[in-house]
Amino acid sequence: MLVYLIINKVLTHILEFILDDNRNIYNVKLIKPYLSEPLEGAKMLKTGIIGYGGYVPMYRIKNEEIGRVWGRGEGFPIVEKSVPGLDEDSTTIAIEAAINALKRAKIDPKEISALFFGSESKVYAVKPTATIIAETIGATPEINTADFEFACKAGTEAMRAALNYVEAGEAKYTMAIGADTAQGAPGDELDYTAAAGGAAYIFGAENKIASIEGWFSFVTDTPDFWRREGQRYPRHGYRFTGEPAYFKHIVYAGIELMSRLGLKPSDIDYVVLHQPNTKFPINAAKQMGFPKEKVLPGLLTTYIGNTYSGAVPLGLARVLDVAKPGERILCVSFGSGAGSDAFTLIVEDRIEDVRDIAPKIDDYINRKKYIDYALYLRYRRLIDRGWME
């Protein structure tokens, strides 16, 4: 035990040194001997995004209202968060986003050969959600579907799988969706941030609105957050939250991808990072060499909370709502457990023709109705009605 404590203390100090805000960010090289050199002959992937769409429920609850109930008067992590209505869940959110993506893609849903759904708040424990979505949008029956799970990066896991399907020549079009109705115990820190929302993307090799340059994933076994079977709410591994989990994976994945592609922070116009709160993504971007001005357009947590698997997909959708052709976007997701997916995109001219066809993310952000904590508990089905259930 003594040896374990000593080793753990040493590793903690090393990690704190690597991720210290006051040090040069490229000290992340200490995690491994060197970062990859730019890949010779690296080519942009032929696959890109041809359609996208998001959805955020209209109900909101302010952090001040949650704090009023639990005796907390200041130091709130965000301003307010989205709350799903009584008739909304991760499935309905995904369907709304998928319909918006189809509008922008302008394709027949029957042409979609695969649909992947990423979430940690699926409606069924055993039945797949992707089949419901595919049936609803009219993409069945000749389609491959699957549900993905990797905490908050399940959405980008689904995107990677959908992209690879097209890149390998197995499909003309595929769809990926990240959506959640995030869970948090009443009074817990997550009660202030766990929210609802999601976004969908359709991938193809032609008529792209954004071309994908490259992708890099970084994963370790880090127990920062989990929920066992039968448990209603997730638990925190507080000592692993922050530097050993979020910052280590986000920063390393982002810098490694840029190194492989031969990119510098000045080459990136927008940065979309996983956003459990407002502070983490801004600090992580700073460590990678980015000013907060490049982060703010895709930072939605302050207004709608942490949408878990929907966080990076929604942030990217908001950036696509405003980005100009030729601009480059860096996205880095994070999922507890833990891992990050990093990818870069270049916006194409076609974005100007399709972005106004479906509701934009700001349309959903601005469409809001405030509720109190009592209604919040009802809408989230957190009131135990005993035999009446």
Protein backbone atom coordinates (compact mmCIF):
# COMPACT_ATOMS: atom_id res chain seq x y z
CA MET A 1 0.00 0.00 0.00
CA LEU A 2 2.83 2.44 0.85
CA VAL A 3 4.50 1.78 -2.49
CA TYR A 4 1.18 2.37 -4.26
CA LEU A 5 0.66 5.69 -2.48
CA ILE A 6 4.18 6.86 -3.33
CA ILE A 7 3.82 5.94 -7.01
CA ASN A 8 0.41 7.57 -7.19
CA LYS A 9 1.78 10.77 -5.63
CA VAL A 10 4.68 10.91 -8.08
CA LEU A 11 2.41 10.34 -11.09
CA THR A 12 0.03 13.02 -9.85
CA HIS A 13 2.87 15.56 -9.63
CA ILE A 14 4.08 14.63 -13.11
CA LEU A 15 0.58 15.09 -14.56
CA GLU A 16 0.13 18.40 -12.76
CA PHE A 17 3.44 19.55 -14.26
CA ILE A 18 2.37 18.49 -17.73
CA LEU A 19 -0.98 20.25 -17.54
CA ASP A 20 -0.02 23.36 -15.58
CA ASP A 21 -1.65 26.40 -17.18
CA ASN A 22 1.50 28.46 -16.56
CA ARG A 23 3.76 26.13 -18.51
CA ASN A 24 4.24 25.66 -22.23
CA ILE A 25 1.46 23.41 -23.45
CA TYR A 26 3.80 21.31 -25.53
CA ASN A 27 5.05 19.80 -22.28
CA VAL A 28 2.29 17.32 -23.12
CA LYS A 29 5.17 15.61 -24.98
CA LEU A 30 6.19 14.22 -21.61
CA ILE A 31 3.24 11.82 -21.83
CA LYS A 32 5.15 10.00 -24.57
CA PRO A 33 8.65 10.58 -25.98
CA TYR A 34 7.48 12.58 -28.97
CA LEU A 35 4.44 13.67 -30.89
CA SER A 36 3.96 12.25 -34.36
CA GLU A 37 5.58 14.04 -37.25
CA PRO A 38 3.27 15.24 -40.04
CA LEU A 39 2.22 12.23 -42.09
CA GLU A 40 3.92 12.25 -45.49
CA GLY A 41 1.49 12.14 -48.37
CA ALA A 42 -1.49 12.51 -46.04
CA LYS A 43 -4.66 13.21 -48.03
CA MET A 44 -8.00 14.61 -46.98
CA LEU A 45 -10.62 11.90 -46.55
CA LYS A 46 -13.00 11.56 -49.46
CA THR A 47 -15.91 11.42 -47.01
CA GLY A 48 -17.49 14.52 -45.53
CA ILE A 49 -20.68 15.89 -44.03
CA ILE A 50 -23.54 16.45 -46.48
CA GLY A 51 -26.24 17.31 -43.96
CA TYR A 52 -26.56 18.22 -40.28
CA GLY A 53 -29.27 19.11 -37.80
CA GLY A 54 -29.73 19.65 -34.10
CA TYR A 55 -32.49 19.78 -31.52
CA VAL A 56 -32.77 21.20 -27.99
CA PRO A 57 -35.92 20.94 -25.83
CA MET A 58 -37.68 24.24 -25.08
CA TYR A 59 -37.83 23.97 -21.28
CA ARG A 60 -35.14 25.61 -19.13
CA ILE A 61 -34.30 25.76 -15.45
CA LYS A 62 -31.89 28.31 -14.04
CA ASN A 63 -29.03 27.28 -11.78
CA GLU A 64 -30.30 29.87 -9.32
CA GLU A 65 -33.59 27.96 -9.01
CA ILE A 66 -31.80 24.67 -8.37
CA GLY A 67 -29.56 26.42 -5.84
CA ARG A 68 -32.59 27.92 -4.10
CA VAL A 69 -33.91 24.44 -3.35
CA TRP A 70 -30.57 23.05 -2.16
CA GLY A 71 -29.36 26.11 -0.24
CA ARG A 72 -26.68 27.17 -2.68
CA GLY A 73 -26.54 30.88 -3.36
CA GLU A 74 -23.49 31.37 -5.58
CA GLY A 75 -20.69 29.69 -7.52
CA PHE A 76 -22.97 28.10 -10.10
CA PRO A 77 -21.24 26.25 -12.94
CA ILE A 78 -23.55 27.60 -15.68
CA VAL A 79 -26.53 29.97 -16.10
CA GLU A 80 -29.31 27.56 -17.09
CA LYS A 81 -29.89 24.19 -18.71
CA SER A 82 -32.38 22.51 -21.04
CA VAL A 83 -34.96 20.08 -19.68
CA PRO A 84 -36.83 17.48 -21.77
CA GLY A 85 -40.62 17.69 -21.73
CA LEU A 86 -42.87 14.88 -20.54
CA ASP A 87 -43.10 13.55 -24.11
CA GLU A 88 -39.38 13.87 -24.89
CA ASP A 89 -36.44 11.51 -24.46
CA SER A 90 -33.17 10.72 -26.22
CA THR A 91 -35.08 8.94 -29.00
CA THR A 92 -37.41 11.83 -29.84
CA ILE A 93 -34.49 14.27 -29.67
CA ALA A 94 -32.53 12.10 -32.10
CA ILE A 95 -35.47 11.90 -34.50
CA GLU A 96 -35.93 15.69 -34.52
CA ALA A 97 -32.22 16.15 -35.26
CA ALA A 98 -32.28 13.47 -37.96
CA ILE A 99 -35.20 15.14 -39.75
CA ASN A 100 -33.32 18.45 -39.78
CA ALA A 101 -30.21 16.74 -41.17
CA LEU A 102 -32.24 15.15 -43.95
CA LYS A 103 -33.66 18.54 -44.93
CA ARG A 104 -30.17 19.94 -45.41
CA ALA A 105 -28.79 16.82 -47.13
CA LYS A 106 -31.68 16.76 -49.63
CA ILE A 107 -31.54 12.99 -50.05
CA ASP A 108 -34.02 10.15 -49.93
CA PRO A 109 -33.72 8.44 -46.51
CA LYS A 110 -33.88 5.10 -48.33
CA GLU A 111 -30.39 5.88 -49.64
CA ILE A 112 -28.94 5.77 -46.11
CA SER A 113 -27.19 2.41 -45.70
CA ALA A 114 -26.25 2.69 -42.02
CA LEU A 115 -27.55 4.64 -39.02
CA PHE A 116 -25.65 4.74 -35.72
CA PHE A 117 -26.92 6.27 -32.48
CA GLY A 118 -24.68 7.27 -29.55
CA SER A 119 -26.12 7.90 -26.10
CA GLU A 120 -25.86 7.01 -22.43
CA SER A 121 -29.57 7.59 -21.76
CA LYS A 122 -31.22 5.10 -24.09
CA VAL A 123 -34.91 4.47 -23.53
CA TYR A 124 -34.49 0.70 -23.52
CA ALA A 125 -31.78 -1.34 -21.80
CA VAL A 126 -32.01 -4.13 -24.38
CA LYS A 127 -33.94 -2.84 -27.42
CA PRO A 128 -31.91 -0.68 -29.86
CA THR A 129 -32.84 2.95 -30.41
CA ALA A 130 -31.31 3.22 -33.89
CA THR A 131 -34.04 0.95 -35.29
CA ILE A 132 -36.75 3.31 -34.01
CA ILE A 133 -35.02 6.31 -35.57
CA ALA A 134 -34.48 4.55 -38.90
CA GLU A 135 -38.11 3.42 -39.05
CA THR A 136 -39.42 6.88 -38.18
CA ILE A 137 -37.43 8.74 -40.83
CA GLY A 138 -38.26 6.16 -43.50
CA ALA A 139 -34.83 4.55 -43.88
CA THR A 140 -35.84 0.91 -43.22
CA PRO A 141 -35.66 -1.95 -44.00
CA GLU A 142 -32.45 -2.20 -46.07
CA ILE A 143 -30.14 -0.53 -43.56
CA ASN A 144 -27.58 -1.43 -40.90
CA THR A 145 -28.22 0.10 -37.47
CA ALA A 146 -26.50 0.03 -34.09
CA ASP A 147 -26.40 1.85 -30.76
CA PHE A 148 -23.06 3.12 -29.43
CA GLU A 149 -22.01 3.75 -25.86
CA PHE A 150 -18.89 5.50 -24.51
CA ALA A 151 -20.21 7.95 -21.94
CA CYS A 152 -20.18 11.47 -23.43
CA LYS A 153 -18.24 10.57 -26.57
CA ALA A 154 -20.76 8.02 -27.81
CA GLY A 155 -21.93 10.59 -30.35
CA THR A 156 -18.52 11.01 -31.99
CA GLU A 157 -17.98 7.23 -31.84
CA ALA A 158 -21.13 6.89 -33.94
CA MET A 159 -19.84 9.60 -36.29
CA ARG A 160 -16.53 7.80 -36.75
CA ALA A 161 -18.27 4.53 -37.58
CA ALA A 162 -20.62 6.22 -40.05
CA LEU A 163 -17.72 8.05 -41.71
CA ASN A 164 -15.67 4.86 -42.05
CA TYR A 165 -18.62 3.06 -43.66
CA VAL A 166 -18.61 5.56 -46.53
CA GLU A 167 -14.82 5.86 -46.66
CA ALA A 168 -14.53 2.09 -47.11
CA GLY A 169 -16.93 2.18 -50.05
CA GLU A 170 -19.63 0.20 -48.23
CA ALA A 171 -22.27 2.92 -48.47
CA LYS A 172 -23.24 6.02 -50.40
CA TYR A 173 -24.73 7.74 -47.35
CA THR A 174 -24.72 7.07 -43.61
CA MET A 175 -26.13 8.87 -40.58
CA ALA A 176 -24.79 9.30 -37.05
CA ILE A 177 -26.55 10.88 -34.08
CA GLY A 178 -25.40 11.88 -30.60
CA ALA A 179 -28.20 12.67 -28.14
CA ASP A 180 -28.85 12.45 -24.42
CA THR A 181 -31.19 13.35 -21.62
CA ALA A 182 -28.36 13.50 -19.11
CA GLN A 183 -28.72 12.09 -15.61
CA GLY A 184 -27.78 13.57 -12.26
CA ALA A 185 -28.92 12.91 -8.70
CA PRO A 186 -31.01 15.72 -7.13
CA GLY A 187 -28.68 18.10 -5.29
CA ASP A 188 -25.57 16.64 -6.90
CA GLU A 189 -23.22 18.87 -8.91
CA LEU A 190 -24.60 17.27 -12.07
CA ASP A 191 -28.08 18.48 -11.11
CA TYR A 192 -26.92 21.94 -12.19
CA THR A 193 -25.53 20.92 -15.58
CA ALA A 194 -26.97 17.59 -16.84
CA ALA A 195 -29.17 18.60 -19.79
CA ALA A 196 -30.88 17.37 -22.96
CA GLY A 197 -30.17 17.80 -26.66
CA GLY A 198 -28.57 16.21 -29.68
CA ALA A 199 -27.40 16.52 -33.26
CA ALA A 200 -27.36 14.33 -36.38
CA TYR A 201 -24.93 14.15 -39.30
CA ILE A 202 -25.21 12.56 -42.72
CA PHE A 203 -21.98 11.47 -44.39
CA GLY A 204 -21.23 11.09 -48.08
CA ALA A 205 -18.51 11.61 -50.68
CA GLU A 206 -20.37 14.12 -52.87
CA ASN A 207 -22.16 17.44 -52.31
CA LYS A 208 -20.29 18.00 -49.08
CA ILE A 209 -20.88 20.96 -46.80
CA ALA A 210 -17.72 20.14 -44.83
CA SER A 211 -14.76 17.91 -45.72
CA ILE A 212 -13.05 15.87 -43.02
CA GLU A 213 -9.25 16.09 -42.98
CA GLY A 214 -8.32 13.54 -40.34
CA TRP A 215 -9.29 11.76 -37.15
CA PHE A 216 -7.41 10.62 -34.05
CA SER A 217 -8.63 8.77 -30.95
CA PHE A 218 -6.94 8.47 -27.55
CA VAL A 219 -8.22 6.08 -24.85
CA THR A 220 -7.12 4.90 -21.40
CA ASP A 221 -8.82 3.03 -18.56
CA THR A 222 -9.52 5.96 -16.21
CA PRO A 223 -12.42 5.50 -13.72
CA ASP A 224 -13.54 9.13 -13.42
CA PHE A 225 -17.29 8.56 -13.79
CA TRP A 226 -19.57 5.52 -13.98
CA ARG A 227 -22.99 4.02 -13.28
CA ARG A 228 -23.43 0.33 -12.54
CA GLU A 229 -26.36 -1.78 -13.69
CA GLY A 230 -29.34 -1.12 -11.43
CA GLN A 231 -28.05 2.21 -10.16
CA ARG A 232 -30.25 5.18 -11.01
CA TYR A 233 -27.57 7.87 -10.92
CA PRO A 234 -23.90 7.96 -11.96
CA ARG A 235 -21.04 8.37 -9.50
CA HIS A 236 -17.87 10.47 -9.63
CA GLY A 237 -14.30 9.34 -9.13
CA TYR A 238 -13.36 12.81 -7.94
CA ARG A 239 -9.60 12.23 -7.79
CA PHE A 240 -9.65 11.30 -11.48
CA THR A 241 -11.90 14.13 -12.67
CA GLY A 242 -10.18 17.04 -14.39
CA GLU A 243 -6.49 16.58 -15.14
CA PRO A 244 -6.22 12.76 -15.26
CA ALA A 245 -9.38 12.42 -17.33
CA TYR A 246 -10.76 15.41 -19.22
CA PHE A 247 -7.62 17.51 -19.72
CA LYS A 248 -5.20 14.68 -20.38
CA HIS A 249 -7.36 13.13 -23.09
CA ILE A 250 -8.71 16.30 -24.71
CA VAL A 251 -5.34 18.07 -24.87
CA TYR A 252 -3.36 15.05 -26.02
CA ALA A 253 -5.86 14.03 -28.72
CA GLY A 254 -6.12 17.57 -30.08
CA ILE A 255 -2.40 18.24 -30.22
CA GLU A 256 -1.56 14.81 -31.63
CA LEU A 257 -4.05 15.22 -34.47
CA MET A 258 -2.73 18.69 -35.31
CA SER A 259 0.80 17.33 -35.26
CA ARG A 260 -0.10 14.50 -37.64
CA LEU A 261 -1.80 16.93 -40.02
CA GLY A 262 0.97 19.53 -39.74
CA LEU A 263 -1.40 22.15 -38.33
CA LYS A 264 -0.77 24.99 -35.89
CA PRO A 265 -3.34 26.72 -33.65
CA SER A 266 -3.27 29.66 -36.07
CA ASP A 267 -4.54 27.33 -38.83
CA ILE A 268 -7.75 26.62 -36.88
CA ASP A 269 -10.69 29.05 -37.00
CA TYR A 270 -13.06 27.32 -34.55
CA VAL A 271 -12.52 24.88 -31.67
CA VAL A 272 -15.33 22.68 -30.34
CA LEU A 273 -14.46 20.72 -27.19
CA HIS A 274 -16.54 18.59 -24.87
CA GLN A 275 -18.17 20.96 -22.42
CA PRO A 276 -19.22 19.61 -19.01
CA ASN A 277 -19.10 23.22 -17.84
CA THR A 278 -17.88 26.55 -19.17
CA LYS A 279 -14.45 26.57 -17.54
CA PHE A 280 -13.02 23.23 -18.68
CA PRO A 281 -13.15 23.73 -22.48
CA ILE A 282 -11.75 27.25 -22.28
CA ASN A 283 -8.83 26.07 -20.13
CA ALA A 284 -8.17 23.03 -22.34
CA ALA A 285 -8.18 25.22 -25.45
CA LYS A 286 -5.72 27.57 -23.77
CA GLN A 287 -3.40 24.66 -23.06
CA MET A 288 -3.53 23.75 -26.75
CA GLY A 289 -2.67 27.30 -27.73
CA PHE A 290 -6.13 28.63 -28.65
CA PRO A 291 -7.71 31.88 -27.44
CA LYS A 292 -11.20 31.61 -25.99
CA GLU A 293 -12.59 33.58 -28.94
CA LYS A 294 -12.17 30.45 -31.09
CA VAL A 295 -14.05 28.37 -28.50
CA LEU A 296 -17.04 30.58 -27.69
CA PRO A 297 -19.05 30.06 -30.93
CA GLY A 298 -19.33 26.32 -30.19
CA LEU A 299 -19.62 26.61 -26.40
CA LEU A 300 -23.28 25.98 -25.56
CA THR A 301 -23.09 24.73 -21.98
CA THR A 302 -23.72 28.15 -20.46
CA TYR A 303 -27.10 28.33 -22.23
CA ILE A 304 -28.35 24.73 -22.38
CA GLY A 305 -26.10 22.71 -20.04
CA ASN A 306 -24.07 19.57 -20.68
CA THR A 307 -25.85 17.43 -23.26
CA TYR A 308 -23.34 14.59 -22.84
CA SER A 309 -23.23 12.62 -26.15
CA GLY A 310 -24.83 15.60 -27.85
CA ALA A 311 -22.30 18.17 -26.59
CA VAL A 312 -19.69 18.17 -29.37
CA PRO A 313 -22.19 17.32 -32.15
CA LEU A 314 -24.37 20.26 -31.06
CA GLY A 315 -21.37 22.58 -30.68
CA LEU A 316 -20.22 21.66 -34.18
CA ALA A 317 -23.72 22.24 -35.55
CA ARG A 318 -23.77 25.74 -34.09
CA VAL A 319 -20.39 26.50 -35.66
CA LEU A 320 -21.61 25.20 -39.04
CA ASP A 321 -24.53 27.61 -38.68
CA VAL A 322 -22.09 30.56 -38.88
CA ALA A 323 -18.82 29.31 -40.43
CA LYS A 324 -17.68 30.53 -43.85
CA PRO A 325 -16.42 28.35 -46.70
CA GLY A 326 -12.71 27.60 -46.30
CA GLU A 327 -12.68 27.89 -42.52
CA ARG A 328 -11.25 25.02 -40.48
CA ILE A 329 -12.86 23.49 -37.38
CA LEU A 330 -11.19 21.33 -34.72
CA CYS A 331 -13.47 19.11 -32.65
CA VAL A 332 -12.38 17.04 -29.64
CA SER A 333 -14.91 15.01 -27.68
CA PHE A 334 -14.44 13.37 -24.29
CA GLY A 335 -16.09 10.38 -22.68
CA SER A 336 -15.53 9.22 -19.14
CA GLY A 337 -13.84 5.92 -18.78
CA ALA A 338 -11.96 7.55 -20.61
CA GLY A 339 -11.22 8.71 -24.14
CA SER A 340 -11.31 11.47 -26.74
CA ASP A 341 -11.98 11.65 -30.47
CA ALA A 342 -10.33 14.53 -32.36
CA PHE A 343 -11.13 15.49 -35.94
CA THR A 344 -10.79 18.49 -38.21
CA LEU A 345 -13.10 19.74 -40.95
CA ILE A 346 -12.93 22.36 -43.67
CA VAL A 347 -16.19 24.10 -44.54
CA GLU A 348 -17.26 23.88 -48.19
CA ASP A 349 -19.17 26.33 -50.40
CA ARG A 350 -22.39 24.28 -50.28
CA ILE A 351 -22.93 25.27 -46.64
CA GLU A 352 -24.27 28.61 -47.85
CA ASP A 353 -27.03 26.87 -49.81
CA VAL A 354 -28.37 24.60 -47.05
CA ARG A 355 -27.83 26.13 -43.61
CA ASP A 356 -31.13 28.09 -43.69
CA ILE A 357 -33.26 25.12 -44.79
CA ALA A 358 -33.71 23.80 -41.22
CA PRO A 359 -33.81 25.47 -37.79
CA LYS A 360 -30.43 26.64 -36.52
CA ILE A 361 -29.12 25.84 -33.06
CA ASP A 362 -29.68 29.41 -31.90
CA ASP A 363 -33.33 29.07 -32.90
CA TYR A 364 -33.64 26.29 -30.33
CA ILE A 365 -31.55 28.11 -27.73
CA ASN A 366 -33.74 31.20 -27.97
CA ARG A 367 -36.98 29.18 -27.96
CA LYS A 368 -37.30 28.61 -24.24
CA LYS A 369 -39.78 28.40 -21.40
CA TYR A 370 -38.63 28.51 -17.77
CA ILE A 371 -39.87 26.04 -15.18
CA ASP A 372 -39.38 25.77 -11.42
CA TYR A 373 -37.75 22.88 -9.57
CA ALA A 374 -41.06 21.14 -8.86
CA LEU A 375 -41.94 20.95 -12.56
CA TYR A 376 -38.35 19.99 -13.29
CA LEU A 377 -38.66 16.95 -11.01
CA ARG A 378 -41.94 16.01 -12.69
CA TYR A 379 -40.62 16.39 -16.23
CA ARG A 380 -37.52 14.35 -15.35
CA ARG A 381 -39.74 11.72 -13.68
CA LEU A 382 -37.81 12.02 -10.43
CA ILE A 383 -40.86 11.98 -8.16
CA ASP A 384 -41.56 8.50 -6.74
CA ARG A 385 -45.33 7.97 -6.91
CA GLY A 386 -45.17 4.50 -5.40
CA TRP A 387 -47.93 2.14 -6.47
CA MET A 388 -49.26 4.69 -9.00
CA GLU A 389 -46.20 4.06 -11.19
